[in-house]
PDB file of N, CA and C in Angstrom:
ATOM      1  N   UNK A   1       0.842  -1.169   0.000  1.00  0.00           N
ATOM      2  CA  UNK A   1       0.000   0.000   0.000  1.00  0.00           C
ATOM      3  C   UNK A   1       0.892   1.239   0.000  1.00  0.00           C
ATOM      4  N   UNK A   2       0.724   2.183  -0.921  1.00  0.00           N
ATOM      5  CA  UNK A   2       1.543   3.384  -0.965  1.00  0.00           C
ATOM      6  C   UNK A   2       1.332   4.234   0.281  1.00  0.00           C
ATOM      7  N   UNK A   3       2.364   4.958   0.658  1.00  0.00           N
ATOM      8  CA  UNK A   3       2.281   5.826   1.815  1.00  0.00           C
ATOM      9  C   UNK A   3       2.302   7.271   1.364  1.00  0.00           C
ATOM     10  N   UNK A   4       1.836   8.178   2.226  1.00  0.00           N
ATOM     11  CA  UNK A   4       1.842   9.601   1.894  1.00  0.00           C
ATOM     12  C   UNK A   4       3.247  10.155   2.086  1.00  0.00           C
ATOM     13  N   UNK A   5       3.661  11.018   1.167  1.00  0.00           N
ATOM     14  CA  UNK A   5       4.975  11.637   1.240  1.00  0.00           C
ATOM     15  C   UNK A   5       4.886  12.891   2.086  1.00  0.00           C
ATOM     16  N   UNK A   6       5.856  13.087   2.986  1.00  0.00           N
ATOM     17  CA  UNK A   6       5.891  14.273   3.806  1.00  0.00           C
ATOM     18  C   UNK A   6       6.663  15.351   3.063  1.00  0.00           C
ATOM     19  N   UNK A   7       6.270  16.620   3.274  1.00  0.00           N
ATOM     20  CA  UNK A   7       6.920  17.731   2.592  1.00  0.00           C
ATOM     21  C   UNK A   7       8.399  17.788   2.944  1.00  0.00           C
ATOM     22  N   UNK A   8       9.228  18.059   1.945  1.00  0.00           N
ATOM     23  CA  UNK A   8      10.666  18.205   2.171  1.00  0.00           C
ATOM     24  C   UNK A   8      11.446  16.911   2.115  1.00  0.00           C
ATOM     25  N   UNK A   9      10.778  15.785   1.993  1.00  0.00           N
ATOM     26  CA  UNK A   9      11.473  14.507   1.925  1.00  0.00           C
ATOM     27  C   UNK A   9      11.429  13.985   0.499  1.00  0.00           C
ATOM     28  N   UNK A  10      12.511  13.323   0.061  1.00  0.00           N
ATOM     29  CA  UNK A  10      12.498  12.782  -1.294  1.00  0.00           C
ATOM     30  C   UNK A  10      11.445  11.704  -1.427  1.00  0.00           C
ATOM     31  N   UNK A  11      10.798  11.669  -2.566  1.00  0.00           N
ATOM     32  CA  UNK A  11       9.788  10.651  -2.815  1.00  0.00           C
ATOM     33  C   UNK A  11      10.432   9.300  -2.984  1.00  0.00           C
ATOM     34  N   UNK A  12       9.851   8.258  -2.459  1.00  0.00           N
ATOM     35  CA  UNK A  12      10.458   6.934  -2.543  1.00  0.00           C
ATOM     36  C   UNK A  12      10.541   6.397  -3.955  1.00  0.00           C
ATOM     37  N   UNK A  13       9.743   6.890  -4.876  1.00  0.00           N
ATOM     38  CA  UNK A  13       9.787   6.404  -6.249  1.00  0.00           C
ATOM     39  C   UNK A  13      10.728   7.194  -7.140  1.00  0.00           C
ATOM     40  N   UNK A  14      11.328   8.258  -6.613  1.00  0.00           N
ATOM     41  CA  UNK A  14      12.231   9.092  -7.394  1.00  0.00           C
ATOM     42  C   UNK A  14      13.605   8.455  -7.383  1.00  0.00           C
ATOM     43  N   UNK A  15      13.982   7.829  -8.493  1.00  0.00           N
ATOM     44  CA  UNK A  15      15.185   7.025  -8.522  1.00  0.00           C
ATOM     45  C   UNK A  15      16.469   7.820  -8.641  1.00  0.00           C
ATOM     46  N   UNK A  16      16.486   8.952  -9.330  1.00  0.00           N
ATOM     47  CA  UNK A  16      17.734   9.680  -9.492  1.00  0.00           C
ATOM     48  C   UNK A  16      18.697   8.853 -10.305  1.00  0.00           C
ATOM     49  N   UNK A  17      19.816   8.401  -9.764  1.00  0.00           N
ATOM     50  CA  UNK A  17      20.761   7.556 -10.473  1.00  0.00           C
ATOM     51  C   UNK A  17      20.815   6.157  -9.891  1.00  0.00           C
ATOM     52  N   UNK A  18      19.887   5.829  -9.014  1.00  0.00           N
ATOM     53  CA  UNK A  18      19.915   4.548  -8.317  1.00  0.00           C
ATOM     54  C   UNK A  18      19.331   3.438  -9.176  1.00  0.00           C
ATOM     55  N   UNK A  19      19.669   2.223  -8.797  1.00  0.00           N
ATOM     56  CA  UNK A  19      19.092   1.057  -9.456  1.00  0.00           C
ATOM     57  C   UNK A  19      17.654   0.890  -8.981  1.00  0.00           C
ATOM     58  N   UNK A  20      16.802   0.225  -9.753  1.00  0.00           N
ATOM     59  CA  UNK A  20      15.423  -0.006  -9.294  1.00  0.00           C
ATOM     60  C   UNK A  20      15.370  -0.753  -7.959  1.00  0.00           C
ATOM     61  N   UNK A  21      16.268  -1.723  -7.762  1.00  0.00           N
ATOM     62  CA  UNK A  21      16.289  -2.468  -6.501  1.00  0.00           C
ATOM     63  C   UNK A  21      16.577  -1.546  -5.322  1.00  0.00           C
ATOM     64  N   UNK A  22      17.523  -0.638  -5.477  1.00  0.00           N
ATOM     65  CA  UNK A  22      17.858   0.293  -4.399  1.00  0.00           C
ATOM     66  C   UNK A  22      16.682   1.211  -4.098  1.00  0.00           C
ATOM     67  N   UNK A  23      16.005   1.684  -5.138  1.00  0.00           N
ATOM     68  CA  UNK A  23      14.849   2.563  -4.942  1.00  0.00           C
ATOM     69  C   UNK A  23      13.725   1.830  -4.211  1.00  0.00           C
ATOM     70  N   UNK A  24      13.507   0.572  -4.548  1.00  0.00           N
ATOM     71  CA  UNK A  24      12.465  -0.219  -3.881  1.00  0.00           C
ATOM     72  C   UNK A  24      12.830  -0.447  -2.420  1.00  0.00           C
ATOM     73  N   UNK A  25      14.085  -0.777  -2.145  1.00  0.00           N
ATOM     74  CA  UNK A  25      14.538  -0.953  -0.771  1.00  0.00           C
ATOM     75  C   UNK A  25      14.379   0.315   0.050  1.00  0.00           C
ATOM     76  N   UNK A  26      14.684   1.464  -0.557  1.00  0.00           N
ATOM     77  CA  UNK A  26      14.516   2.739   0.137  1.00  0.00           C
ATOM     78  C   UNK A  26      13.040   3.023   0.407  1.00  0.00           C
ATOM     79  N   UNK A  27      12.187   2.675  -0.544  1.00  0.00           N
ATOM     80  CA  UNK A  27      10.747   2.879  -0.348  1.00  0.00           C
ATOM     81  C   UNK A  27      10.246   2.058   0.839  1.00  0.00           C
ATOM     82  N   UNK A  28      10.698   0.818   0.945  1.00  0.00           N
ATOM     83  CA  UNK A  28      10.276  -0.038   2.050  1.00  0.00           C
ATOM     84  C   UNK A  28      10.725   0.569   3.380  1.00  0.00           C
ATOM     85  N   UNK A  29      11.972   1.013   3.470  1.00  0.00           N
ATOM     86  CA  UNK A  29      12.456   1.618   4.713  1.00  0.00           C
ATOM     87  C   UNK A  29      11.743   2.930   5.006  1.00  0.00           C
ATOM     88  N   UNK A  30      11.406   3.678   3.974  1.00  0.00           N
ATOM     89  CA  UNK A  30      10.673   4.939   4.137  1.00  0.00           C
ATOM     90  C   UNK A  30       9.306   4.669   4.766  1.00  0.00           C
ATOM     91  N   UNK A  31       8.618   3.633   4.290  1.00  0.00           N
ATOM     92  CA  UNK A  31       7.286   3.303   4.794  1.00  0.00           C
ATOM     93  C   UNK A  31       7.338   2.601   6.154  1.00  0.00           C
ATOM     94  N   UNK A  32       8.288   1.694   6.324  1.00  0.00           N
ATOM     95  CA  UNK A  32       8.406   0.879   7.532  1.00  0.00           C
ATOM     96  C   UNK A  32       9.034   1.642   8.690  1.00  0.00           C
ATOM     97  N   UNK A  33       9.989   2.497   8.378  1.00  0.00           N
ATOM     98  CA  UNK A  33      10.837   3.109   9.383  1.00  0.00           C
ATOM     99  C   UNK A  33      12.132   2.322   9.426  1.00  0.00           C
ATOM    100  N   UNK A  34      13.128   2.837  10.113  1.00  0.00           N
ATOM    101  CA  UNK A  34      14.433   2.176  10.134  1.00  0.00           C
ATOM    102  C   UNK A  34      14.643   1.465  11.466  1.00  0.00           C
ATOM    103  N   UNK A  35      14.703   0.106  11.438  1.00  0.00           N
ATOM    104  CA  UNK A  35      14.979  -0.630  12.684  1.00  0.00           C
ATOM    105  C   UNK A  35      16.340  -0.230  13.248  1.00  0.00           C
ATOM    106  N   UNK A  36      16.449  -0.190  14.563  1.00  0.00           N
ATOM    107  CA  UNK A  36      17.702   0.190  15.198  1.00  0.00           C
ATOM    108  C   UNK A  36      18.843  -0.766  14.901  1.00  0.00           C
ATOM    109  N   UNK A  37      18.529  -2.036  14.709  1.00  0.00           N
ATOM    110  CA  UNK A  37      19.560  -3.045  14.458  1.00  0.00           C
ATOM    111  C   UNK A  37      19.531  -3.544  13.010  1.00  0.00           C
ATOM    112  N   UNK A  38      19.196  -2.641  12.079  1.00  0.00           N
ATOM    113  CA  UNK A  38      19.111  -2.985  10.655  1.00  0.00           C
ATOM    114  C   UNK A  38      20.446  -3.503  10.138  1.00  0.00           C
ATOM    115  N   UNK A  39      20.414  -4.634   9.455  1.00  0.00           N
ATOM    116  CA  UNK A  39      21.597  -5.204   8.805  1.00  0.00           C
ATOM    117  C   UNK A  39      21.594  -4.899   7.323  1.00  0.00           C
ATOM    118  N   UNK A  40      20.485  -5.253   6.637  1.00  0.00           N
ATOM    119  CA  UNK A  40      20.397  -5.004   5.207  1.00  0.00           C
ATOM    120  C   UNK A  40      18.966  -5.205   4.740  1.00  0.00           C
ATOM    121  N   UNK A  41      18.714  -4.701   3.539  1.00  0.00           N
ATOM    122  CA  UNK A  41      17.427  -4.908   2.873  1.00  0.00           C
ATOM    123  C   UNK A  41      17.736  -5.633   1.573  1.00  0.00           C
ATOM    124  N   UNK A  42      17.156  -6.794   1.400  1.00  0.00           N
ATOM    125  CA  UNK A  42      17.385  -7.618   0.219  1.00  0.00           C
ATOM    126  C   UNK A  42      16.173  -7.522  -0.698  1.00  0.00           C
ATOM    127  N   UNK A  43      16.403  -7.099  -1.945  1.00  0.00           N
ATOM    128  CA  UNK A  43      15.334  -6.972  -2.933  1.00  0.00           C
ATOM    129  C   UNK A  43      15.610  -7.977  -4.041  1.00  0.00           C
ATOM    130  N   UNK A  44      14.656  -8.864  -4.273  1.00  0.00           N
ATOM    131  CA  UNK A  44      14.801  -9.871  -5.330  1.00  0.00           C
ATOM    132  C   UNK A  44      13.671  -9.722  -6.334  1.00  0.00           C
ATOM    133  N   UNK A  45      14.031  -9.577  -7.597  1.00  0.00           N
ATOM    134  CA  UNK A  45      13.036  -9.487  -8.666  1.00  0.00           C
ATOM    135  C   UNK A  45      12.532 -10.889  -8.972  1.00  0.00           C
ATOM    136  N   UNK A  46      11.238 -11.075  -8.924  1.00  0.00           N
ATOM    137  CA  UNK A  46      10.639 -12.373  -9.211  1.00  0.00           C
ATOM    138  C   UNK A  46      10.259 -12.473 -10.680  1.00  0.00           C
ATOM    139  N   UNK A  47       9.529 -11.478 -11.178  1.00  0.00           N
ATOM    140  CA  UNK A  47       9.201 -11.329 -12.593  1.00  0.00           C
ATOM    141  C   UNK A  47       8.863  -9.862 -12.797  1.00  0.00           C
ATOM    142  N   UNK A  48       8.550  -9.475 -13.997  1.00  0.00           N
ATOM    143  CA  UNK A  48       8.339  -8.067 -14.337  1.00  0.00           C
ATOM    144  C   UNK A  48       7.401  -7.370 -13.354  1.00  0.00           C
ATOM    145  N   UNK A  49       7.942  -6.386 -12.643  1.00  0.00           N
ATOM    146  CA  UNK A  49       7.144  -5.582 -11.733  1.00  0.00           C
ATOM    147  C   UNK A  49       6.784  -6.239 -10.414  1.00  0.00           C
ATOM    148  N   UNK A  50       7.335  -7.409 -10.109  1.00  0.00           N
ATOM    149  CA  UNK A  50       7.023  -8.129  -8.871  1.00  0.00           C
ATOM    150  C   UNK A  50       8.321  -8.464  -8.134  1.00  0.00           C
ATOM    151  N   UNK A  51       8.351  -8.165  -6.846  1.00  0.00           N
ATOM    152  CA  UNK A  51       9.565  -8.317  -6.043  1.00  0.00           C
ATOM    153  C   UNK A  51       9.261  -8.936  -4.689  1.00  0.00           C
ATOM    154  N   UNK A  52      10.259  -9.599  -4.117  1.00  0.00           N
ATOM    155  CA  UNK A  52      10.246 -10.059  -2.731  1.00  0.00           C
ATOM    156  C   UNK A  52      11.290  -9.209  -2.019  1.00  0.00           C
ATOM    157  N   UNK A  53      10.905  -8.591  -0.903  1.00  0.00           N
ATOM    158  CA  UNK A  53      11.817  -7.751  -0.135  1.00  0.00           C
ATOM    159  C   UNK A  53      11.897  -8.298   1.282  1.00  0.00           C
ATOM    160  N   UNK A  54      13.106  -8.569   1.739  1.00  0.00           N
ATOM    161  CA  UNK A  54      13.345  -9.040   3.101  1.00  0.00           C
ATOM    162  C   UNK A  54      14.171  -7.999   3.848  1.00  0.00           C
ATOM    163  N   UNK A  55      13.761  -7.682   5.075  1.00  0.00           N
ATOM    164  CA  UNK A  55      14.479  -6.741   5.926  1.00  0.00           C
ATOM    165  C   UNK A  55      15.159  -7.557   7.020  1.00  0.00           C
ATOM    166  N   UNK A  56      16.499  -7.554   7.005  1.00  0.00           N
ATOM    167  CA  UNK A  56      17.286  -8.317   7.970  1.00  0.00           C
ATOM    168  C   UNK A  56      17.720  -7.421   9.115  1.00  0.00           C
ATOM    169  N   UNK A  57      17.599  -7.933  10.348  1.00  0.00           N
ATOM    170  CA  UNK A  57      18.049  -7.230  11.544  1.00  0.00           C
ATOM    171  C   UNK A  57      18.910  -8.189  12.362  1.00  0.00           C
ATOM    172  N   UNK A  58      19.711  -7.627  13.243  1.00  0.00           N
ATOM    173  CA  UNK A  58      20.528  -8.457  14.124  1.00  0.00           C
ATOM    174  C   UNK A  58      21.439  -7.594  14.962  1.00  0.00           C
ATOM    175  N   UNK A  59      21.553  -7.934  16.227  1.00  0.00           N
ATOM    176  CA  UNK A  59      22.347  -7.135  17.151  1.00  0.00           C
ATOM    177  C   UNK A  59      23.806  -7.556  17.180  1.00  0.00           C
ATOM    178  N   UNK A  60      24.075  -8.834  16.993  1.00  0.00           N
ATOM    179  CA  UNK A  60      25.445  -9.317  17.102  1.00  0.00           C
ATOM    180  C   UNK A  60      26.117  -9.520  15.754  1.00  0.00           C
ATOM    181  N   UNK A  61      27.430  -9.685  15.810  1.00  0.00           N
ATOM    182  CA  UNK A  61      28.195  -9.960  14.605  1.00  0.00           C
ATOM    183  C   UNK A  61      27.859 -11.355  14.099  1.00  0.00           C
ATOM    184  N   UNK A  62      27.514 -11.449  12.829  1.00  0.00           N
ATOM    185  CA  UNK A  62      27.195 -12.735  12.231  1.00  0.00           C
ATOM    186  C   UNK A  62      25.813 -13.257  12.555  1.00  0.00           C
ATOM    187  N   UNK A  63      25.033 -12.460  13.284  1.00  0.00           N
ATOM    188  CA  UNK A  63      23.686 -12.885  13.641  1.00  0.00           C
ATOM    189  C   UNK A  63      22.696 -11.987  12.911  1.00  0.00           C
ATOM    190  N   UNK A  64      21.863 -12.581  12.067  1.00  0.00           N
ATOM    191  CA  UNK A  64      20.846 -11.805  11.345  1.00  0.00           C
ATOM    192  C   UNK A  64      19.605 -12.667  11.186  1.00  0.00           C
ATOM    193  N   UNK A  65      18.467 -12.006  11.212  1.00  0.00           N
ATOM    194  CA  UNK A  65      17.200 -12.712  10.993  1.00  0.00           C
ATOM    195  C   UNK A  65      16.308 -11.810  10.152  1.00  0.00           C
ATOM    196  N   UNK A  66      15.334 -12.407   9.485  1.00  0.00           N
ATOM    197  CA  UNK A  66      14.386 -11.635   8.698  1.00  0.00           C
ATOM    198  C   UNK A  66      13.298 -11.134   9.644  1.00  0.00           C
ATOM    199  N   UNK A  67      13.238  -9.817   9.814  1.00  0.00           N
ATOM    200  CA  UNK A  67      12.229  -9.223  10.691  1.00  0.00           C
ATOM    201  C   UNK A  67      10.943  -8.911   9.929  1.00  0.00           C
ATOM    202  N   UNK A  68      11.082  -8.584   8.632  1.00  0.00           N
ATOM    203  CA  UNK A  68       9.932  -8.234   7.809  1.00  0.00           C
ATOM    204  C   UNK A  68      10.171  -8.766   6.410  1.00  0.00           C
ATOM    205  N   UNK A  69       9.106  -9.254   5.781  1.00  0.00           N
ATOM    206  CA  UNK A  69       9.193  -9.778   4.428  1.00  0.00           C
ATOM    207  C   UNK A  69       7.939  -9.334   3.674  1.00  0.00           C
ATOM    208  N   UNK A  70       8.145  -8.807   2.462  1.00  0.00           N
ATOM    209  CA  UNK A  70       7.042  -8.266   1.676  1.00  0.00           C
ATOM    210  C   UNK A  70       7.093  -8.776   0.244  1.00  0.00           C
ATOM    211  N   UNK A  71       5.921  -8.959  -0.337  1.00  0.00           N
ATOM    212  CA  UNK A  71       5.778  -9.219  -1.760  1.00  0.00           C
ATOM    213  C   UNK A  71       5.240  -7.916  -2.339  1.00  0.00           C
ATOM    214  N   UNK A  72       5.994  -7.296  -3.273  1.00  0.00           N
ATOM    215  CA  UNK A  72       5.625  -5.990  -3.801  1.00  0.00           C
ATOM    216  C   UNK A  72       5.324  -6.050  -5.289  1.00  0.00           C
ATOM    217  N   UNK A  73       4.419  -5.185  -5.704  1.00  0.00           N
ATOM    218  CA  UNK A  73       4.128  -4.968  -7.118  1.00  0.00           C
ATOM    219  C   UNK A  73       4.467  -3.509  -7.395  1.00  0.00           C
ATOM    220  N   UNK A  74       5.190  -3.259  -8.505  1.00  0.00           N
ATOM    221  CA  UNK A  74       5.580  -1.897  -8.857  1.00  0.00           C
ATOM    222  C   UNK A  74       5.021  -1.519 -10.217  1.00  0.00           C
ATOM    223  N   UNK A  75       4.944  -0.207 -10.464  1.00  0.00           N
ATOM    224  CA  UNK A  75       4.521   0.260 -11.777  1.00  0.00           C
ATOM    225  C   UNK A  75       5.760   0.409 -12.667  1.00  0.00           C
ATOM    226  N   UNK A  76       5.583   0.926 -13.866  1.00  0.00           N
ATOM    227  CA  UNK A  76       6.692   1.062 -14.810  1.00  0.00           C
ATOM    228  C   UNK A  76       7.804   1.982 -14.340  1.00  0.00           C
ATOM    229  N   UNK A  77       7.486   2.915 -13.439  1.00  0.00           N
ATOM    230  CA  UNK A  77       8.479   3.855 -12.921  1.00  0.00           C
ATOM    231  C   UNK A  77       9.157   3.335 -11.655  1.00  0.00           C
ATOM    232  N   UNK A  78       8.799   2.143 -11.197  1.00  0.00           N
ATOM    233  CA  UNK A  78       9.418   1.568 -10.010  1.00  0.00           C
ATOM    234  C   UNK A  78       8.743   1.943  -8.707  1.00  0.00           C
ATOM    235  N   UNK A  79       7.609   2.621  -8.771  1.00  0.00           N
ATOM    236  CA  UNK A  79       6.880   2.976  -7.544  1.00  0.00           C
ATOM    237  C   UNK A  79       6.056   1.788  -7.081  1.00  0.00           C
ATOM    238  N   UNK A  80       6.036   1.557  -5.785  1.00  0.00           N
ATOM    239  CA  UNK A  80       5.275   0.442  -5.212  1.00  0.00           C
ATOM    240  C   UNK A  80       3.785   0.751  -5.305  1.00  0.00           C
ATOM    241  N   UNK A  81       3.033  -0.154  -5.928  1.00  0.00           N
ATOM    242  CA  UNK A  81       1.585   0.028  -6.074  1.00  0.00           C
ATOM    243  C   UNK A  81       0.789  -0.915  -5.173  1.00  0.00           C
ATOM    244  N   UNK A  82       1.400  -2.022  -4.745  1.00  0.00           N
ATOM    245  CA  UNK A  82       0.720  -2.965  -3.857  1.00  0.00           C
ATOM    246  C   UNK A  82       1.764  -3.699  -3.022  1.00  0.00           C
ATOM    247  N   UNK A  83       1.357  -4.085  -1.823  1.00  0.00           N
ATOM    248  CA  UNK A  83       2.260  -4.788  -0.912  1.00  0.00           C
ATOM    249  C   UNK A  83       1.470  -5.815  -0.112  1.00  0.00           C
ATOM    250  N   UNK A  84       2.062  -7.010   0.035  1.00  0.00           N
ATOM    251  CA  UNK A  84       1.485  -8.053   0.869  1.00  0.00           C
ATOM    252  C   UNK A  84       2.580  -8.543   1.811  1.00  0.00           C
ATOM    253  N   UNK A  85       2.450  -8.394   3.122  1.00  0.00           N
ATOM    254  CA  UNK A  85       1.421  -7.657   3.836  1.00  0.00           C
ATOM    255  C   UNK A  85       1.576  -6.149   3.594  1.00  0.00           C
ATOM    256  N   UNK A  86       0.620  -5.367   4.090  1.00  0.00           N
ATOM    257  CA  UNK A  86       0.656  -3.921   3.916  1.00  0.00           C
ATOM    258  C   UNK A  86       1.908  -3.336   4.554  1.00  0.00           C
ATOM    259  N   UNK A  87       2.478  -2.343   3.863  1.00  0.00           N
ATOM    260  CA  UNK A  87       3.613  -1.604   4.417  1.00  0.00           C
ATOM    261  C   UNK A  87       3.060  -0.571   5.390  1.00  0.00           C
ATOM    262  N   UNK A  88       3.369  -0.745   6.669  1.00  0.00           N
ATOM    263  CA  UNK A  88       2.949   0.222   7.682  1.00  0.00           C
ATOM    264  C   UNK A  88       4.148   0.600   8.536  1.00  0.00           C
ATOM    265  N   UNK A  89       4.111   1.784   9.115  1.00  0.00           N
ATOM    266  CA  UNK A  89       5.222   2.268   9.943  1.00  0.00           C
ATOM    267  C   UNK A  89       5.270   1.454  11.233  1.00  0.00           C
ATOM    268  N   UNK A  90       6.446   0.916  11.508  1.00  0.00           N
ATOM    269  CA  UNK A  90       6.647   0.134  12.727  1.00  0.00           C
ATOM    270  C   UNK A  90       7.759   0.701  13.602  1.00  0.00           C
ATOM    271  N   UNK A  91       8.562   1.594  13.023  1.00  0.00           N
ATOM    272  CA  UNK A  91       9.693   2.149  13.786  1.00  0.00           C
ATOM    273  C   UNK A  91       9.670   3.661  13.711  1.00  0.00           C
TER     274      UNK A  91
END
């Protein structure tokens, strides 16, 4: 589910010079918030316009777990149009 953009913040779909995967990962963090123990965001393209995004967290060295996982649908410009489960702010 798309989120509302706050004034003065870059839009999550505005890619600039970034790869589509990076833009999608940034959109997820923009909507979700940034976990304090964030390790990485993994974006995998499944087929045209459909992605699996996993958010890894972990406090220790070498310890990581998937805290959030989403199936996303994007439009031609790379903007997220649908998410399962819904992208909601948690942090």
